[in-house]
């Protein structure tokens, strides 16, 4: 099933991009602590949503696999 691989890959890529962006923000020297905190928390919230999407997606796949058996 090609679509399953595409969805898996999309979630992985989104997570990697958010992690890279978070690292970039944390290493920025030219912004205030408040701005860094605000940006970091927004990125962490997005990462949390992606991680929850992984859990939901894996659960869905398991359910579908069990139905096929």
C-alpha atoms as a PDB file:
ATOM      1  CA  UNK A   1       0.000   0.000   0.000  1.00  0.00           C
ATOM      2  CA  UNK A   2       1.756   3.049  -1.297  1.00  0.00           C
ATOM      3  CA  UNK A   3      -0.469   5.550   0.504  1.00  0.00           C
ATOM      4  CA  UNK A   4       0.501   4.133   3.907  1.00  0.00           C
ATOM      5  CA  UNK A   5       4.178   4.704   3.130  1.00  0.00           C
ATOM      6  CA  UNK A   6       3.451   8.225   1.924  1.00  0.00           C
ATOM      7  CA  UNK A   7       1.608   9.086   5.136  1.00  0.00           C
ATOM      8  CA  UNK A   8       4.384   7.585   7.268  1.00  0.00           C
ATOM      9  CA  UNK A   9       7.006   9.547   5.364  1.00  0.00           C
ATOM     10  CA  UNK A  10       5.056  12.798   5.578  1.00  0.00           C
ATOM     11  CA  UNK A  11       4.752  12.488   9.354  1.00  0.00           C
ATOM     12  CA  UNK A  12       8.471  11.722   9.686  1.00  0.00           C
ATOM     13  CA  UNK A  13       9.471  14.673   7.507  1.00  0.00           C
ATOM     14  CA  UNK A  14       7.185  17.084   9.370  1.00  0.00           C
ATOM     15  CA  UNK A  15       8.618  15.927  12.695  1.00  0.00           C
ATOM     16  CA  UNK A  16      12.206  16.308  11.483  1.00  0.00           C
ATOM     17  CA  UNK A  17      11.518  19.804  10.152  1.00  0.00           C
ATOM     18  CA  UNK A  18       9.957  20.885  13.446  1.00  0.00           C
ATOM     19  CA  UNK A  19      12.859  19.431  15.438  1.00  0.00           C
ATOM     20  CA  UNK A  20      15.361  21.254  13.228  1.00  0.00           C
ATOM     21  CA  UNK A  21      13.426  24.505  13.577  1.00  0.00           C
ATOM     22  CA  UNK A  22      13.275  24.094  17.367  1.00  0.00           C
ATOM     23  CA  UNK A  23      17.026  23.533  17.510  1.00  0.00           C
ATOM     24  CA  UNK A  24      17.575  26.606  15.340  1.00  0.00           C
ATOM     25  CA  UNK A  25      15.394  28.765  17.594  1.00  0.00           C
ATOM     26  CA  UNK A  26      17.081  27.509  20.751  1.00  0.00           C
ATOM     27  CA  UNK A  27      20.501  28.397  19.317  1.00  0.00           C
ATOM     28  CA  UNK A  28      19.504  31.890  18.166  1.00  0.00           C
ATOM     29  CA  UNK A  29      21.503  34.575  19.934  1.00  0.00           C
ATOM     30  CA  UNK A  30      19.827  37.650  18.472  1.00  0.00           C
ATOM     31  CA  UNK A  31      16.340  37.297  19.995  1.00  0.00           C
ATOM     32  CA  UNK A  32      15.085  37.923  23.501  1.00  0.00           C
ATOM     33  CA  UNK A  33      14.469  35.148  25.976  1.00  0.00           C
ATOM     34  CA  UNK A  34      10.737  35.860  25.842  1.00  0.00           C
ATOM     35  CA  UNK A  35      10.640  35.582  22.066  1.00  0.00           C
ATOM     36  CA  UNK A  36      12.740  32.406  22.168  1.00  0.00           C
ATOM     37  CA  UNK A  37      10.409  30.950  24.788  1.00  0.00           C
ATOM     38  CA  UNK A  38       7.292  31.825  22.785  1.00  0.00           C
ATOM     39  CA  UNK A  39       8.651  30.364  19.544  1.00  0.00           C
ATOM     40  CA  UNK A  40       9.951  27.244  21.298  1.00  0.00           C
ATOM     41  CA  UNK A  41       6.629  26.551  22.985  1.00  0.00           C
ATOM     42  CA  UNK A  42       4.758  26.903  19.693  1.00  0.00           C
ATOM     43  CA  UNK A  43       7.129  24.427  18.056  1.00  0.00           C
ATOM     44  CA  UNK A  44       6.842  22.020  20.985  1.00  0.00           C
ATOM     45  CA  UNK A  45       3.058  22.135  20.673  1.00  0.00           C
ATOM     46  CA  UNK A  46       3.323  21.317  16.972  1.00  0.00           C
ATOM     47  CA  UNK A  47       5.724  18.465  17.736  1.00  0.00           C
ATOM     48  CA  UNK A  48       3.273  17.128  20.295  1.00  0.00           C
ATOM     49  CA  UNK A  49       0.535  17.131  17.661  1.00  0.00           C
ATOM     50  CA  UNK A  50       2.769  15.246  15.212  1.00  0.00           C
ATOM     51  CA  UNK A  51       3.709  12.704  17.887  1.00  0.00           C
ATOM     52  CA  UNK A  52       0.036  12.173  18.670  1.00  0.00           C
ATOM     53  CA  UNK A  53      -0.626  11.751  14.961  1.00  0.00           C
ATOM     54  CA  UNK A  54       1.988   8.981  14.901  1.00  0.00           C
ATOM     55  CA  UNK A  55       0.225   7.208  17.763  1.00  0.00           C
ATOM     56  CA  UNK A  56      -3.170   7.562  16.118  1.00  0.00           C
ATOM     57  CA  UNK A  57      -1.847   6.431  12.738  1.00  0.00           C
ATOM     58  CA  UNK A  58      -0.112   3.374  14.199  1.00  0.00           C
ATOM     59  CA  UNK A  59      -3.263   2.455  16.110  1.00  0.00           C
ATOM     60  CA  UNK A  60      -5.314   2.753  12.926  1.00  0.00           C
ATOM     61  CA  UNK A  61      -2.861   0.544  11.038  1.00  0.00           C
ATOM     62  CA  UNK A  62      -2.949  -2.092  13.772  1.00  0.00           C
ATOM     63  CA  UNK A  63      -6.737  -2.097  13.759  1.00  0.00           C
ATOM     64  CA  UNK A  64      -6.807  -2.484   9.990  1.00  0.00           C
ATOM     65  CA  UNK A  65      -4.233  -5.275  10.097  1.00  0.00           C
ATOM     66  CA  UNK A  66      -6.279  -7.120  12.709  1.00  0.00           C
ATOM     67  CA  UNK A  67      -9.395  -6.833  10.563  1.00  0.00           C
ATOM     68  CA  UNK A  68      -7.571  -8.421   7.632  1.00  0.00           C
ATOM     69  CA  UNK A  69      -6.549 -11.488   9.664  1.00  0.00           C
END
